[in-house]
Protein backbone atom coordinates (compact mmCIF):
# COMPACT_ATOMS: atom_id res chain seq x y z
CA MET A 1 73.64 116.72 144.44
CA ALA A 2 75.60 119.76 143.39
CA GLY A 3 76.84 120.14 139.85
CA THR A 4 80.11 118.45 139.01
CA SER A 5 82.92 120.20 137.16
CA PHE A 6 84.64 118.26 134.40
CA PHE A 7 87.78 119.52 132.67
CA PHE A 8 89.37 118.66 129.35
CA PHE A 9 93.03 119.54 128.86
CA SER A 10 95.00 118.98 125.71
CA SER A 11 98.57 117.70 125.93
CA ASN A 12 100.01 121.17 125.35
CA GLN A 13 97.54 122.84 127.72
CA SER A 14 96.41 125.16 124.90
CA LEU A 15 92.85 123.86 125.00
CA CYS A 16 90.64 123.78 128.05
CA VAL A 17 86.91 123.09 128.12
CA LEU A 18 84.85 123.11 131.29
CA PHE A 19 81.48 121.41 131.63
CA GLN A 20 79.31 122.06 134.69
CA VAL A 21 77.37 118.84 134.68
CA LYS A 22 74.30 118.28 136.85
CA ASN A 23 73.00 115.20 135.13
CA TRP A 24 75.48 112.68 133.75
CA LYS A 25 72.68 111.00 131.79
CA LYS A 26 72.54 113.90 129.36
CA LYS A 27 74.22 113.54 126.01
CA MET A 28 77.57 115.24 125.49
CA SER A 29 76.11 117.30 122.65
CA ASP A 30 73.64 118.89 125.11
CA PHE A 31 76.44 121.15 126.30
CA LEU A 32 77.89 122.34 122.99
CA ALA A 33 76.82 122.78 119.39
CA HIS A 34 77.46 119.52 117.54
CA ASP A 35 80.20 120.82 115.21
CA MET A 36 82.02 122.59 118.02
CA PHE A 37 81.63 119.54 120.19
CA ILE A 38 83.24 117.28 117.57
CA ASP A 39 86.00 119.80 116.93
CA VAL A 40 86.85 119.96 120.63
CA LEU A 41 86.96 116.21 121.18
CA THR A 42 89.06 115.42 118.12
CA ARG A 43 91.74 117.77 119.45
CA LEU A 44 92.05 115.95 122.76
CA PRO A 45 94.82 113.42 123.39
CA VAL A 46 94.07 109.72 123.49
CA LYS A 47 94.66 109.37 127.24
CA THR A 48 92.04 112.03 128.02
CA LEU A 49 89.46 110.46 125.70
CA VAL A 50 89.95 107.02 127.26
CA ARG A 51 89.15 108.55 130.63
CA CYS A 52 86.12 110.31 129.18
CA ALA A 53 84.76 107.00 127.93
CA CYS A 54 84.24 106.03 131.57
CA VAL A 55 82.03 109.00 132.42
CA CYS A 56 78.73 107.44 131.34
CA LYS A 57 77.10 105.21 128.75
CA SER A 58 76.37 107.96 126.23
CA TRP A 59 79.97 109.22 126.33
CA TYR A 60 81.28 105.68 125.98
CA SER A 61 78.95 105.06 123.05
CA PHE A 62 80.03 108.21 121.26
CA LEU A 63 83.79 107.85 121.82
CA THR A 64 83.84 104.21 120.72
CA ASN A 65 81.88 104.95 117.55
CA PRO A 66 84.04 103.96 114.53
CA ASN A 67 83.23 107.25 112.79
CA PHE A 68 84.56 109.28 115.70
CA ILE A 69 87.65 107.08 116.04
CA THR A 70 88.38 107.60 112.34
CA THR A 71 87.82 111.37 112.58
CA HIS A 72 90.15 111.60 115.58
CA LEU A 73 92.76 109.49 113.77
CA ASN A 74 92.60 111.67 110.66
CA ARG A 75 93.21 114.79 112.73
CA SER A 76 96.08 113.07 114.52
CA SER A 77 97.61 112.10 111.19
CA ILE A 78 97.48 115.72 110.03
CA ALA A 79 99.06 116.77 113.33
CA ASN A 80 102.00 114.48 112.57
CA THR A 81 103.27 117.03 110.07
CA ASP A 82 103.26 119.64 112.85
CA ASN A 83 105.10 117.36 115.30
CA ASN A 84 102.08 117.39 117.65
CA ASN A 85 101.60 113.65 117.38
CA ASN A 86 105.02 112.63 116.10
CA PHE A 87 106.15 109.56 118.00
CA LEU A 88 108.66 106.79 117.56
CA LEU A 89 107.94 103.25 118.75
CA VAL A 90 111.11 101.49 119.89
CA ARG A 91 111.67 97.94 121.06
CA SER A 92 115.05 96.86 122.38
CA ARG A 93 116.53 93.55 123.50
CA SER A 94 119.35 93.47 126.03
CA GLY A 95 120.99 90.99 128.36
CA ASP A 96 123.47 88.22 127.67
CA GLU A 97 120.89 86.26 125.68
CA ALA A 98 118.84 89.24 124.44
CA ASP A 99 116.11 88.09 126.79
CA VAL A 100 115.35 91.46 128.42
CA VAL A 101 112.77 93.26 126.26
CA HIS A 102 111.74 96.91 126.57
CA TYR A 103 109.08 98.85 124.64
CA SER A 104 109.00 102.63 124.70
CA LEU A 105 107.59 105.66 122.92
CA LEU A 106 109.78 108.63 122.04
CA ARG A 107 108.34 112.03 121.18
CA SER A 108 109.76 114.44 118.63
CA GLU A 109 110.10 117.86 120.22
CA ASN A 110 112.11 120.81 118.93
CA GLY A 111 114.27 118.59 116.79
CA MET A 112 114.97 116.21 119.67
CA LEU A 113 113.64 112.76 120.52
CA CYS A 114 112.47 112.74 124.13
CA ASP A 115 111.06 109.97 126.33
CA ASP A 116 107.27 109.91 126.26
CA ALA A 117 106.31 106.62 127.90
CA GLU A 118 107.65 103.24 128.91
CA LEU A 119 105.24 100.67 127.50
CA GLU A 120 104.10 97.41 129.04
CA LEU A 121 102.88 94.66 126.76
CA PRO A 122 99.63 93.34 128.28
CA LEU A 123 100.16 89.65 127.63
CA LYS A 124 100.15 86.98 130.29
CA ASP A 125 102.41 84.71 128.24
CA PRO A 126 105.94 85.17 129.66
CA SER A 127 107.62 84.27 126.35
CA ASP A 128 107.56 87.84 125.03
CA ARG A 129 111.28 87.48 124.29
CA PHE A 130 110.15 85.63 121.16
CA LEU A 131 107.71 88.31 120.04
CA ARG A 132 108.55 90.00 116.76
CA ILE A 133 107.00 93.26 115.58
CA ILE A 134 105.62 93.00 112.06
CA GLY A 135 104.71 96.66 111.76
CA SER A 136 102.44 99.42 112.99
CA CYS A 137 99.57 101.21 111.29
CA ASN A 138 97.23 103.89 112.67
CA GLY A 139 98.27 103.17 116.23
CA LEU A 140 97.95 99.38 115.97
CA VAL A 141 101.02 97.17 116.29
CA CYS A 142 101.07 93.66 114.87
CA LEU A 143 103.18 91.10 116.73
CA VAL A 144 103.91 87.44 116.17
CA GLU A 145 105.30 84.95 118.64
CA ASP A 146 108.11 83.47 116.56
CA PHE A 147 109.32 80.70 118.84
CA HIS A 148 111.50 78.47 116.61
CA GLY A 149 110.43 80.70 113.70
CA TYR A 150 106.97 79.22 113.16
CA GLY A 151 104.71 82.04 114.31
CA ARG A 152 102.57 80.25 116.87
CA SER A 153 100.40 83.22 117.90
CA PHE A 154 99.51 86.63 116.49
CA TYR A 155 98.47 89.78 118.34
CA LEU A 156 97.22 93.28 117.56
CA TRP A 157 98.25 95.80 120.21
CA ASN A 158 97.35 99.44 120.71
CA PRO A 159 99.92 100.78 123.21
CA SER A 160 98.05 104.10 123.50
CA ILE A 161 95.06 102.47 125.18
CA ARG A 162 96.88 99.38 126.52
CA LYS A 163 94.82 96.78 124.71
CA THR A 164 95.66 93.67 122.75
CA ILE A 165 93.71 91.24 120.62
CA THR A 166 94.80 87.65 120.29
CA LEU A 167 94.08 86.39 116.79
CA PRO A 168 92.37 83.01 116.24
CA PRO A 169 94.47 79.84 115.72
CA LEU A 170 96.33 79.44 112.43
CA ARG A 171 95.48 77.00 109.66
CA VAL A 172 99.11 76.21 108.87
CA SER A 173 101.30 75.20 111.80
CA PHE A 174 104.31 73.02 112.46
CA GLN A 175 102.00 70.27 113.70
CA SER A 176 99.88 70.34 110.55
CA HIS A 177 102.49 70.94 107.84
CA SER A 178 105.89 70.13 109.39
CA PRO A 179 108.80 72.58 108.85
CA PHE A 180 108.21 75.71 106.81
CA MET A 181 109.29 79.32 106.55
CA HIS A 182 106.85 82.21 106.68
CA SER A 183 106.58 85.96 106.19
CA VAL A 184 103.89 88.30 107.49
CA GLY A 185 102.40 91.62 106.41
CA PHE A 186 100.12 94.01 108.27
CA GLY A 187 98.18 97.01 107.03
CA PHE A 188 94.92 98.90 106.57
CA ASP A 189 92.15 98.63 104.01
CA ALA A 190 90.96 102.22 103.70
CA ARG A 191 87.90 101.36 101.62
CA THR A 192 86.39 99.09 104.25
CA ASP A 193 88.02 100.67 107.31
CA ASP A 194 89.53 97.30 108.17
CA TYR A 195 92.90 96.07 109.44
CA LYS A 196 94.39 92.95 107.90
CA VAL A 197 97.23 90.50 108.51
CA VAL A 198 98.52 88.39 105.62
CA ARG A 199 100.70 85.34 106.20
CA ILE A 200 102.68 83.62 103.44
CA VAL A 201 104.04 80.14 104.18
CA HIS A 202 106.60 78.37 102.00
CA LEU A 203 106.82 74.67 102.78
CA TRP A 204 110.34 73.35 103.14
CA PRO A 205 112.09 71.19 100.49
CA PRO A 206 112.31 68.51 99.06
CA ASP A 207 109.96 70.34 96.69
CA ASP A 208 112.51 73.21 96.50
CA PHE A 209 109.60 75.66 96.81
CA GLU A 210 108.12 74.48 93.52
CA LEU A 211 104.69 74.35 95.10
CA PRO A 212 102.94 77.73 95.53
CA PRO A 213 102.87 78.96 99.13
CA GLU A 214 100.02 78.65 101.57
CA ILE A 215 98.50 82.12 102.08
CA ASP A 216 96.02 83.21 104.73
CA ILE A 217 94.60 86.63 105.53
CA PHE A 218 93.05 87.83 108.77
CA SER A 219 90.41 90.57 108.82
CA LEU A 220 89.74 92.50 112.02
CA SER A 221 86.16 93.24 110.95
CA THR A 222 85.28 89.53 110.71
CA GLY A 223 87.73 88.16 113.26
CA THR A 224 88.64 85.21 111.06
CA TRP A 225 91.41 83.92 108.81
CA ARG A 226 90.66 83.15 105.13
CA ASN A 227 92.62 80.87 102.84
CA ILE A 228 93.68 82.82 99.72
CA SER A 229 96.29 80.37 98.47
CA HIS A 230 94.51 80.37 95.09
CA LEU A 231 96.36 83.61 94.31
CA GLY A 232 99.34 81.41 93.50
CA LEU A 233 102.32 83.62 94.35
CA GLN A 234 105.19 82.55 92.07
CA TYR A 235 107.95 84.22 94.11
CA VAL A 236 109.71 83.17 97.30
CA ILE A 237 109.83 85.74 100.09
CA TYR A 238 112.81 85.68 102.41
CA GLU A 239 112.10 83.95 105.71
CA ARG A 240 110.60 86.36 108.27
CA ALA A 241 111.41 89.20 105.89
CA PRO A 242 110.74 92.67 107.41
CA GLN A 243 107.86 94.43 105.71
CA ALA A 244 107.55 98.00 104.47
CA TYR A 245 103.95 99.21 104.54
CA LEU A 246 102.98 102.14 102.33
CA ASN A 247 100.40 103.02 99.66
CA GLY A 248 98.02 100.45 101.13
CA SER A 249 100.44 97.57 100.49
CA ALA A 250 102.91 95.46 102.43
CA HIS A 251 106.27 94.93 100.68
CA TRP A 252 108.99 92.29 101.10
CA LEU A 253 112.27 91.40 99.42
CA ALA A 254 111.82 88.25 97.29
CA TYR A 255 113.26 86.21 94.45
CA ASN A 256 112.02 84.26 91.47
CA ARG A 257 112.49 80.50 91.81
CA ARG A 258 113.83 80.44 88.26
CA MET A 259 116.64 82.90 89.00
CA GLU A 260 118.82 80.61 91.12
CA GLY A 261 117.91 82.20 94.41
CA PHE A 262 119.03 85.79 93.87
CA PHE A 263 116.82 88.34 95.66
CA SER A 264 116.11 90.69 92.78
CA LEU A 265 112.58 92.02 93.26
CA ILE A 266 110.15 93.42 95.80
CA VAL A 267 106.80 91.68 96.20
CA SER A 268 103.81 93.70 97.41
CA PHE A 269 100.36 92.76 98.68
CA HIS A 270 97.55 95.32 98.49
CA MET A 271 95.32 95.11 101.57
CA GLY A 272 92.24 96.42 99.79
CA ASP A 273 92.42 94.61 96.44
CA GLU A 274 94.05 91.54 98.03
CA ILE A 275 96.35 91.04 95.07
CA PHE A 276 100.11 90.67 94.74
CA GLY A 277 102.33 93.02 92.76
CA GLU A 278 106.02 93.43 92.12
CA ASN A 279 108.67 96.13 91.88
CA MET A 280 112.20 95.67 90.65
CA VAL A 281 115.13 96.54 92.90
CA PRO A 282 117.60 99.22 91.71
CA ALA A 283 119.61 98.27 88.63
CA GLY A 284 122.67 96.23 89.58
CA CYS A 285 121.34 95.29 93.03
CA THR A 286 120.93 91.56 93.55
CA PHE A 287 121.42 89.77 96.83
CA TYR A 288 122.27 86.14 97.29
CA SER A 289 121.19 86.41 100.91
CA GLY A 290 118.04 88.26 101.91
CA SER A 291 119.63 89.03 105.28
CA ASN A 292 122.01 91.59 103.73
CA ALA A 293 119.22 93.86 102.48
CA ARG A 294 115.66 94.76 103.34
CA VAL A 295 112.88 97.08 102.31
CA ALA A 296 111.75 100.00 104.46
CA LYS A 297 109.65 103.16 104.38
CA PHE A 298 111.60 106.40 104.03
CA GLN A 299 109.54 109.61 104.24
CA GLU A 300 106.45 108.05 102.61
CA SER A 301 108.53 106.39 99.88
CA LEU A 302 109.58 102.80 99.28
CA SER A 303 113.25 102.35 100.11
CA LEU A 304 115.87 99.62 100.06
CA ILE A 305 118.63 99.20 102.63
CA ASP A 306 121.55 97.58 100.82
CA GLY A 307 124.63 96.23 102.61
CA ILE A 308 123.39 95.64 106.15
CA TRP A 309 126.47 93.58 107.04
CA GLY A 310 129.02 95.41 104.89
CA LYS A 311 131.36 98.31 105.58
CA THR A 312 129.11 100.66 103.61
CA CYS A 313 125.34 100.65 103.71
CA SER A 314 123.44 102.31 100.86
CA ILE A 315 119.95 103.75 101.19
CA TRP A 316 117.96 103.65 97.94
CA VAL A 317 114.63 105.46 97.53
CA MET A 318 111.99 104.94 94.84
CA LYS A 319 111.02 108.55 94.06
CA GLU A 320 107.95 107.57 92.01
CA TYR A 321 106.16 104.54 93.33
CA GLY A 322 106.06 101.70 90.83
CA ILE A 323 108.58 103.32 88.44
CA ALA A 324 111.77 101.24 88.44
CA ASP A 325 113.80 104.01 86.78
CA SER A 326 113.04 106.34 89.69
CA TRP A 327 115.28 104.45 92.13
CA THR A 328 117.84 106.92 93.53
CA LYS A 329 120.70 106.30 95.91
CA GLN A 330 119.80 108.73 98.70
CA PHE A 331 123.00 108.41 100.74
CA ASN A 332 125.62 105.98 102.04
CA ILE A 333 126.41 105.19 105.65
CA ASP A 334 129.94 104.23 106.66
CA THR A 335 129.35 101.37 109.09
CA SER A 336 133.07 100.93 109.80
CA VAL A 337 133.09 103.85 112.27
CA GLY A 338 131.06 102.21 115.03
CA PHE A 339 127.67 101.86 113.35
CA GLU A 340 126.52 98.25 113.54
CA SER A 341 123.17 98.14 111.75
CA VAL A 342 120.40 100.25 110.23
CA VAL A 343 117.25 99.85 112.33
CA GLY A 344 114.82 102.16 110.55
CA PHE A 345 113.88 105.77 109.91
CA THR A 346 112.02 108.56 111.67
CA ARG A 347 109.35 110.60 109.88
CA LYS A 348 111.90 113.39 109.35
CA GLY A 349 114.27 111.04 107.56
CA GLU A 350 116.74 110.48 110.39
CA VAL A 351 118.34 107.05 110.38
CA LEU A 352 118.05 104.85 113.47
CA LEU A 353 121.35 103.07 113.93
CA GLY A 354 122.56 100.41 116.33
CA LEU A 355 126.10 100.98 117.58
CA ASN A 356 128.82 98.46 118.28
CA SER A 357 128.49 99.49 121.91
CA GLY A 358 124.87 98.29 121.91
CA TYR A 359 123.18 101.69 122.01
CA LEU A 360 120.60 103.15 119.64
CA VAL A 361 121.19 106.54 118.00
CA ALA A 362 119.42 108.76 115.47
CA TYR A 363 121.66 109.94 112.63
CA ASP A 364 120.81 112.95 110.44
CA PRO A 365 122.39 112.31 107.02
CA ASP A 366 122.09 115.99 106.05
CA THR A 367 123.87 117.49 109.06
CA GLU A 368 125.70 114.30 110.10
CA ARG A 369 124.49 114.93 113.64
CA VAL A 370 124.25 111.86 115.89
CA LEU A 371 121.65 111.93 118.66
CA HIS A 372 122.06 109.36 121.43
CA LEU A 373 118.67 108.03 122.56
CA ASN A 374 119.86 106.37 125.79
CA ILE A 375 118.34 103.04 124.71
CA ARG A 376 120.54 99.98 125.03
CA GLY A 377 120.29 96.67 123.16
CA THR A 378 122.60 93.71 122.91
CA THR A 379 126.18 93.83 121.69
CA ASP A 380 125.79 90.43 120.03
CA ARG A 381 126.11 91.31 116.34
CA TRP A 382 124.40 88.07 115.37
CA CYS A 383 121.21 89.16 117.08
CA MET A 384 119.60 90.86 114.08
CA ASP A 385 116.47 91.65 116.10
CA SER A 386 118.18 93.71 118.81
CA PHE A 387 116.22 96.86 117.93
CA TYR A 388 112.97 97.79 116.24
CA GLY A 389 112.09 101.41 115.52
CA ASP A 390 109.30 102.97 113.48
CA ALA A 391 107.11 106.07 113.35
CA TYR A 392 103.99 105.78 115.48
CA THR A 393 100.67 107.63 115.74
CA LYS A 394 98.59 107.47 118.91
CA SER A 395 94.99 106.47 118.22
CA LEU A 396 91.77 105.13 119.70
CA VAL A 397 91.59 102.09 117.43
CA LEU A 398 90.28 99.09 119.44
CA LEU A 399 88.80 101.35 122.15
CA GLY A 400 85.34 99.95 121.50
CA ALA A 401 86.43 96.34 121.74
CA LYS A 402 86.10 96.18 125.52
CA LEU A 403 86.75 98.37 128.48
CA PRO A 404 89.51 97.44 130.95
CA ASN A 405 88.76 94.50 133.23
CA THR A 406 89.88 96.57 136.19
CA GLY A 407 89.34 100.23 136.89
CA ALA A 408 86.51 100.75 134.41
CA CYS A 409 83.57 102.84 135.49
CA GLU A 410 80.42 100.98 136.52
CA GLU A 411 78.25 102.54 133.81
CA ALA A 412 80.67 101.38 131.13
CA LYS A 413 80.87 97.91 132.68
CA LYS A 414 77.10 97.55 132.45
CA SER A 415 77.02 98.64 128.82
CA LYS A 416 79.91 96.50 127.60
CA LYS A 417 77.91 93.26 127.80
CA ARG A 418 75.29 94.66 125.45
CA ARG A 419 77.90 96.05 123.04
CA ALA A 420 80.67 93.45 123.03
CA LYS A 421 78.93 90.90 120.81
CA HIS A 422 78.27 93.59 118.20
CA LEU A 423 81.67 95.28 118.28
CA TYR A 424 83.94 92.30 117.70
CA PRO A 425 83.48 88.54 117.18
CA LYS A 426 83.54 86.13 120.09
CA THR A 427 86.71 84.52 118.77
CA PHE A 428 88.70 87.49 120.03
CA VAL A 429 90.56 87.44 123.31
CA ILE A 430 90.98 90.97 124.67
CA SER A 431 93.44 91.84 127.42
CA CYS A 432 94.66 95.04 128.96
CA ILE A 433 96.94 96.25 131.70
CA PRO A 434 94.85 96.73 134.86
CA LYS A 435 96.09 100.25 135.47
CA HIS A 436 94.41 103.60 135.62
CA LEU A 437 95.47 105.50 132.49
């Protein structure tokens, strides 16, 4: 059989490597010096590497190695500052009952946000209209099915490689504990290279939240939930409060039970240490309703969005993390001129805003430029979950879990049975879109 040519192209076509391969059973490093080989592969886009994983067993083994995935991710994270891997994950709800859901990736290019890909969520359950995005980290997106607000199922999804993991059943459910309210955090433990989901459940009155909440944490490395209710959180977190993940911690707006229900502090949970912390909100900011304010991440800093439903929305930024006196009002947004709600921020500090007309725009507070993104949501102002928008980094995380059920190369299919039981626990349910990437 004649030699086979195999090309690698980067997304910007600036890198091209040609292998003339006569024996696919050879190791990849047989063709290049090891350091050069690693340098080449870590520069390639995710889509190309997923295809390469289907070439043969040795390539699959190398590309699904956690060390390589981490190295590739680190290079991608550095590239974010150069706009080479600067993406925005957007979810929108439209239709009369906000029952039409779209997921898409936008790419930052020359100061503009351009369409990169329309995403399909690879879940067979048709009730994705009830899915809520908790957050994204290193290319993974955490979702919860919040039908009736009780969080029946949890998922981890990597849109870049079209894979999801269904988390094991929950300890606390409506059937086991009757009505409750819950909040969820998602993040990364850098010390153990592990992804974690923490769930905080406050049981409904008549105890008036006097009992400490039920707390469980899921670890991707073990594939199980653990009960950590012994931590005894003394604060109440607003129901389904949006999180802000930064500095290794998830953050939520909360209140002290002894302060008559005013939301006056920010509770944090560190994914590595697995301990709770607290930060005070800016002086003079207290909120009787947690729905009128929320925490967010603004250019790597903790921020507070104050006045979501008012005529003026203020964006506060904590300049020095953990220092209450460093809170600074970054800017105000006049929401009486057609802006309906603050959705989030881009990496550059642009504000994602929902309009009264139902469209999503990016607003630059420095130049006051408004960029229409051609993404439509619902015009129902009571649908607080019309849009979700957050910075996103493409990654290979979860690539080694399993190869696609359809369209995978035969060599990889043979090897997956030997590897699957070592890569992730049997309690996982992996699904993917049966499409060629």
